[in-house]
Amino acid sequence: MSEFSTPGVTFGQLKRLIEVAEAGGTRDDDVVIIARDSEGNSFSPLATWNNDAIYRAASSHAGELEYWDEDDVMDRGPDREAWEEWYLRAQEEGGFRCLVLWPTN
């Protein structure tokens, strides 16, 4: 495993945050905005997401992403067993399965 604990907010914590936001009056048509950095220097609307990624922490605040090889999926079709093997290998090497949120710009 990585020398760094699971970084950031987990998906379960995000779901609870959404529940709190809904209870506080957030509506389904409210736009999701992402801060570019922790200091709030710029902001961008959420554009898309990806949940077939592994995050490898390089430090407590930065790292790299590894994606499931889309070419393999196109050649072989969705292969859940191969994906699980890839994920377990990455996890053993210190990676974390993650949900990636992409800003518009």
N, C-alpha and C. Protein backbone atom coordinates (compact mmCIF):
# COMPACT_ATOMS: atom_id res chain seq x y z
N MET A 1 0.83 -1.19 0.00
CA MET A 1 0.00 0.00 0.00
C MET A 1 0.87 1.25 0.00
N SER A 2 0.25 2.34 -0.35
CA SER A 2 0.93 3.62 -0.40
C SER A 2 1.32 4.07 1.01
N GLU A 3 2.35 4.87 1.07
CA GLU A 3 2.73 5.45 2.36
C GLU A 3 1.73 6.52 2.80
N PHE A 4 0.86 6.94 1.89
CA PHE A 4 -0.14 7.96 2.20
C PHE A 4 -1.49 7.30 2.42
N SER A 5 -2.23 7.76 3.42
CA SER A 5 -3.57 7.21 3.65
C SER A 5 -4.48 7.65 2.51
N THR A 6 -5.67 7.07 2.45
CA THR A 6 -6.61 7.42 1.39
C THR A 6 -6.74 8.94 1.34
N PRO A 7 -6.41 9.54 0.19
CA PRO A 7 -6.43 11.00 0.10
C PRO A 7 -7.84 11.55 -0.08
N GLY A 8 -8.08 12.70 0.47
CA GLY A 8 -9.29 13.44 0.17
C GLY A 8 -10.58 12.85 0.69
N VAL A 9 -11.65 13.26 0.04
CA VAL A 9 -13.01 12.89 0.39
C VAL A 9 -13.36 11.57 -0.28
N THR A 10 -13.96 10.64 0.48
CA THR A 10 -14.41 9.38 -0.10
C THR A 10 -15.77 9.57 -0.77
N PHE A 11 -16.15 8.61 -1.60
CA PHE A 11 -17.44 8.69 -2.28
C PHE A 11 -18.58 8.68 -1.26
N GLY A 12 -18.44 7.89 -0.20
CA GLY A 12 -19.46 7.87 0.86
C GLY A 12 -19.60 9.24 1.52
N GLN A 13 -18.48 9.92 1.77
CA GLN A 13 -18.54 11.26 2.35
C GLN A 13 -19.19 12.23 1.37
N LEU A 14 -18.89 12.07 0.08
CA LEU A 14 -19.50 12.93 -0.94
C LEU A 14 -21.01 12.73 -0.98
N LYS A 15 -21.46 11.49 -0.87
CA LYS A 15 -22.91 11.23 -0.86
C LYS A 15 -23.57 11.90 0.34
N ARG A 16 -22.91 11.83 1.51
CA ARG A 16 -23.47 12.49 2.69
C ARG A 16 -23.48 14.00 2.52
N LEU A 17 -22.44 14.55 1.88
CA LEU A 17 -22.39 15.98 1.61
C LEU A 17 -23.55 16.38 0.71
N ILE A 18 -23.86 15.58 -0.28
CA ILE A 18 -24.99 15.86 -1.18
C ILE A 18 -26.30 15.83 -0.40
N GLU A 19 -26.44 14.86 0.51
CA GLU A 19 -27.65 14.80 1.34
C GLU A 19 -27.80 16.06 2.18
N VAL A 20 -26.70 16.51 2.76
CA VAL A 20 -26.73 17.75 3.56
C VAL A 20 -27.07 18.94 2.68
N ALA A 21 -26.46 19.00 1.49
CA ALA A 21 -26.75 20.11 0.57
C ALA A 21 -28.21 20.11 0.15
N GLU A 22 -28.77 18.93 -0.13
CA GLU A 22 -30.19 18.84 -0.50
C GLU A 22 -31.07 19.31 0.64
N ALA A 23 -30.75 18.90 1.86
CA ALA A 23 -31.53 19.31 3.03
C ALA A 23 -31.43 20.81 3.24
N GLY A 24 -30.31 21.40 2.80
CA GLY A 24 -30.11 22.83 2.96
C GLY A 24 -30.69 23.67 1.83
N GLY A 25 -31.36 23.04 0.89
CA GLY A 25 -32.02 23.80 -0.16
C GLY A 25 -31.38 23.72 -1.54
N THR A 26 -30.28 22.96 -1.70
CA THR A 26 -29.68 22.81 -3.02
C THR A 26 -30.68 22.09 -3.91
N ARG A 27 -30.86 22.60 -5.14
CA ARG A 27 -31.84 22.03 -6.07
C ARG A 27 -31.15 21.19 -7.15
N ASP A 28 -31.93 20.32 -7.80
CA ASP A 28 -31.39 19.46 -8.86
C ASP A 28 -30.80 20.25 -10.02
N ASP A 29 -31.29 21.46 -10.27
CA ASP A 29 -30.78 22.23 -11.40
C ASP A 29 -29.68 23.22 -11.01
N ASP A 30 -29.21 23.17 -9.76
CA ASP A 30 -28.06 23.99 -9.37
C ASP A 30 -26.80 23.44 -10.03
N VAL A 31 -25.93 24.32 -10.49
CA VAL A 31 -24.71 23.94 -11.19
C VAL A 31 -23.62 23.58 -10.17
N VAL A 32 -22.84 22.54 -10.47
CA VAL A 32 -21.71 22.14 -9.63
C VAL A 32 -20.47 22.86 -10.15
N ILE A 33 -19.79 23.58 -9.24
CA ILE A 33 -18.59 24.35 -9.57
C ILE A 33 -17.42 23.75 -8.81
N ILE A 34 -16.27 23.65 -9.48
CA ILE A 34 -15.07 23.10 -8.88
C ILE A 34 -14.03 24.21 -8.74
N ALA A 35 -13.40 24.28 -7.56
CA ALA A 35 -12.30 25.23 -7.36
C ALA A 35 -11.04 24.66 -7.99
N ARG A 36 -10.26 25.50 -8.62
CA ARG A 36 -9.01 25.05 -9.24
C ARG A 36 -7.97 24.70 -8.19
N ASP A 37 -7.99 25.41 -7.05
CA ASP A 37 -7.03 25.13 -5.99
C ASP A 37 -7.67 25.41 -4.64
N SER A 38 -6.97 25.06 -3.58
CA SER A 38 -7.52 25.22 -2.22
C SER A 38 -7.62 26.67 -1.78
N GLU A 39 -6.99 27.58 -2.53
CA GLU A 39 -7.03 29.00 -2.17
C GLU A 39 -8.16 29.74 -2.87
N GLY A 40 -8.88 29.06 -3.77
CA GLY A 40 -10.00 29.70 -4.46
C GLY A 40 -9.57 30.72 -5.48
N ASN A 41 -8.46 30.47 -6.19
CA ASN A 41 -7.97 31.42 -7.19
C ASN A 41 -8.79 31.44 -8.47
N SER A 42 -9.44 30.34 -8.79
CA SER A 42 -10.34 30.33 -9.94
C SER A 42 -11.29 29.15 -9.81
N PHE A 43 -12.37 29.18 -10.58
CA PHE A 43 -13.42 28.19 -10.48
C PHE A 43 -13.88 27.79 -11.87
N SER A 44 -14.45 26.58 -11.98
CA SER A 44 -14.93 26.10 -13.27
C SER A 44 -16.10 25.15 -13.03
N PRO A 45 -17.11 25.16 -13.92
CA PRO A 45 -18.20 24.20 -13.79
C PRO A 45 -17.70 22.77 -14.01
N LEU A 46 -18.32 21.83 -13.32
CA LEU A 46 -18.03 20.42 -13.53
C LEU A 46 -18.48 20.04 -14.93
N ALA A 47 -17.59 19.42 -15.73
CA ALA A 47 -17.91 19.07 -17.11
C ALA A 47 -18.26 17.60 -17.26
N THR A 48 -17.48 16.72 -16.64
CA THR A 48 -17.70 15.28 -16.80
C THR A 48 -17.02 14.55 -15.66
N TRP A 49 -17.08 13.23 -15.67
CA TRP A 49 -16.48 12.42 -14.63
C TRP A 49 -16.00 11.10 -15.22
N ASN A 50 -15.15 10.40 -14.45
CA ASN A 50 -14.64 9.09 -14.84
C ASN A 50 -14.46 8.27 -13.57
N ASN A 51 -14.97 7.04 -13.57
CA ASN A 51 -14.80 6.21 -12.38
C ASN A 51 -14.00 4.93 -12.66
N ASP A 52 -13.29 4.88 -13.77
CA ASP A 52 -12.40 3.75 -14.08
C ASP A 52 -10.95 4.21 -13.97
N ALA A 53 -10.59 4.72 -12.81
CA ALA A 53 -9.25 5.27 -12.63
C ALA A 53 -8.68 4.84 -11.29
N ILE A 54 -7.36 4.83 -11.24
CA ILE A 54 -6.61 4.57 -10.01
C ILE A 54 -5.77 5.80 -9.74
N TYR A 55 -5.81 6.28 -8.50
CA TYR A 55 -5.00 7.42 -8.08
C TYR A 55 -3.79 6.90 -7.33
N ARG A 56 -2.62 7.35 -7.73
CA ARG A 56 -1.38 6.98 -7.05
C ARG A 56 -0.80 8.25 -6.42
N ALA A 57 -0.85 8.31 -5.11
CA ALA A 57 -0.39 9.50 -4.39
C ALA A 57 1.13 9.60 -4.46
N ALA A 58 1.61 10.76 -4.85
CA ALA A 58 3.04 11.06 -4.84
C ALA A 58 3.41 11.80 -3.55
N SER A 59 2.41 12.44 -2.96
CA SER A 59 2.57 13.15 -1.70
C SER A 59 1.20 13.19 -1.04
N SER A 60 1.09 13.89 0.06
CA SER A 60 -0.20 13.99 0.74
C SER A 60 -1.19 14.88 -0.01
N HIS A 61 -0.74 15.59 -1.05
CA HIS A 61 -1.61 16.53 -1.75
C HIS A 61 -1.53 16.46 -3.28
N ALA A 62 -0.79 15.49 -3.83
CA ALA A 62 -0.67 15.40 -5.29
C ALA A 62 -0.34 13.97 -5.70
N GLY A 63 -0.69 13.64 -6.94
CA GLY A 63 -0.40 12.30 -7.44
C GLY A 63 -0.70 12.18 -8.92
N GLU A 64 -0.78 10.94 -9.39
CA GLU A 64 -1.03 10.64 -10.79
C GLU A 64 -2.22 9.72 -10.92
N LEU A 65 -2.86 9.76 -12.10
CA LEU A 65 -3.98 8.87 -12.39
C LEU A 65 -3.55 7.81 -13.39
N GLU A 66 -4.10 6.61 -13.24
CA GLU A 66 -3.92 5.53 -14.20
C GLU A 66 -5.33 5.10 -14.59
N TYR A 67 -5.57 5.02 -15.89
CA TYR A 67 -6.90 4.66 -16.37
C TYR A 67 -6.94 3.24 -16.89
N TRP A 68 -8.10 2.63 -16.77
CA TRP A 68 -8.36 1.34 -17.40
C TRP A 68 -8.18 1.55 -18.89
N ASP A 69 -7.45 0.68 -19.55
CA ASP A 69 -7.11 0.82 -20.96
C ASP A 69 -8.36 0.69 -21.83
N GLU A 70 -8.85 1.82 -22.35
CA GLU A 70 -10.07 1.82 -23.16
C GLU A 70 -9.91 1.02 -24.44
N ASP A 71 -8.69 0.95 -24.98
CA ASP A 71 -8.47 0.14 -26.18
C ASP A 71 -8.73 -1.33 -25.91
N ASP A 72 -8.32 -1.80 -24.71
CA ASP A 72 -8.61 -3.18 -24.34
C ASP A 72 -10.11 -3.43 -24.30
N VAL A 73 -10.85 -2.49 -23.73
CA VAL A 73 -12.30 -2.63 -23.65
C VAL A 73 -12.91 -2.67 -25.05
N MET A 74 -12.40 -1.82 -25.94
CA MET A 74 -12.92 -1.81 -27.31
C MET A 74 -12.60 -3.12 -28.03
N ASP A 75 -11.40 -3.69 -27.79
CA ASP A 75 -11.00 -4.93 -28.47
C ASP A 75 -11.71 -6.15 -27.90
N ARG A 76 -11.84 -6.23 -26.59
CA ARG A 76 -12.37 -7.43 -25.96
C ARG A 76 -13.78 -7.28 -25.44
N GLY A 77 -14.25 -6.06 -25.37
CA GLY A 77 -15.54 -5.83 -24.73
C GLY A 77 -15.29 -5.69 -23.23
N PRO A 78 -16.31 -5.25 -22.50
CA PRO A 78 -16.15 -5.08 -21.05
C PRO A 78 -15.79 -6.43 -20.41
N ASP A 79 -14.71 -6.46 -19.67
CA ASP A 79 -14.24 -7.69 -19.03
C ASP A 79 -14.08 -7.40 -17.55
N ARG A 80 -15.10 -7.68 -16.78
CA ARG A 80 -15.11 -7.36 -15.35
C ARG A 80 -13.96 -8.06 -14.61
N GLU A 81 -13.68 -9.31 -14.96
CA GLU A 81 -12.63 -10.06 -14.28
C GLU A 81 -11.26 -9.41 -14.52
N ALA A 82 -10.99 -9.02 -15.76
CA ALA A 82 -9.71 -8.37 -16.07
C ALA A 82 -9.62 -7.02 -15.36
N TRP A 83 -10.74 -6.30 -15.29
CA TRP A 83 -10.75 -5.02 -14.60
C TRP A 83 -10.44 -5.22 -13.12
N GLU A 84 -11.04 -6.22 -12.50
CA GLU A 84 -10.80 -6.49 -11.08
C GLU A 84 -9.33 -6.85 -10.84
N GLU A 85 -8.73 -7.64 -11.74
CA GLU A 85 -7.32 -7.99 -11.61
C GLU A 85 -6.45 -6.73 -11.70
N TRP A 86 -6.77 -5.86 -12.66
CA TRP A 86 -6.03 -4.59 -12.81
C TRP A 86 -6.16 -3.75 -11.55
N TYR A 87 -7.37 -3.65 -11.03
CA TYR A 87 -7.61 -2.85 -9.84
C TYR A 87 -6.87 -3.41 -8.63
N LEU A 88 -6.93 -4.74 -8.42
CA LEU A 88 -6.26 -5.34 -7.27
C LEU A 88 -4.74 -5.16 -7.36
N ARG A 89 -4.18 -5.30 -8.57
CA ARG A 89 -2.75 -5.09 -8.76
C ARG A 89 -2.38 -3.64 -8.41
N ALA A 90 -3.17 -2.71 -8.91
CA ALA A 90 -2.90 -1.29 -8.64
C ALA A 90 -3.02 -0.99 -7.15
N GLN A 91 -4.01 -1.60 -6.50
CA GLN A 91 -4.20 -1.38 -5.07
C GLN A 91 -3.01 -1.93 -4.28
N GLU A 92 -2.52 -3.11 -4.66
CA GLU A 92 -1.36 -3.69 -4.00
C GLU A 92 -0.13 -2.80 -4.17
N GLU A 93 -0.08 -2.06 -5.27
CA GLU A 93 1.06 -1.17 -5.55
C GLU A 93 0.86 0.22 -4.95
N GLY A 94 -0.19 0.40 -4.15
CA GLY A 94 -0.41 1.66 -3.46
C GLY A 94 -1.42 2.59 -4.09
N GLY A 95 -2.13 2.13 -5.11
CA GLY A 95 -3.14 2.96 -5.76
C GLY A 95 -4.48 2.90 -5.06
N PHE A 96 -5.30 3.91 -5.32
CA PHE A 96 -6.65 3.98 -4.77
C PHE A 96 -7.64 4.09 -5.93
N ARG A 97 -8.69 3.29 -5.91
CA ARG A 97 -9.76 3.46 -6.89
C ARG A 97 -10.39 4.83 -6.61
N CYS A 98 -10.76 5.53 -7.68
CA CYS A 98 -11.27 6.88 -7.45
C CYS A 98 -12.31 7.30 -8.47
N LEU A 99 -13.06 8.31 -8.12
CA LEU A 99 -13.99 9.00 -8.99
C LEU A 99 -13.31 10.32 -9.34
N VAL A 100 -13.09 10.56 -10.64
CA VAL A 100 -12.42 11.78 -11.10
C VAL A 100 -13.47 12.75 -11.63
N LEU A 101 -13.46 13.96 -11.12
CA LEU A 101 -14.36 15.02 -11.61
C LEU A 101 -13.54 15.98 -12.46
N TRP A 102 -13.98 16.21 -13.69
CA TRP A 102 -13.25 17.07 -14.63
C TRP A 102 -13.93 18.42 -14.78
N PRO A 103 -13.18 19.51 -14.62
CA PRO A 103 -13.75 20.84 -14.83
C PRO A 103 -13.90 21.17 -16.31
N THR A 104 -14.69 22.18 -16.62
CA THR A 104 -14.86 22.64 -17.99
C THR A 104 -13.54 23.15 -18.56
N ASN A 105 -12.81 23.92 -17.77
CA ASN A 105 -11.49 24.41 -18.21
C ASN A 105 -10.61 24.69 -17.03
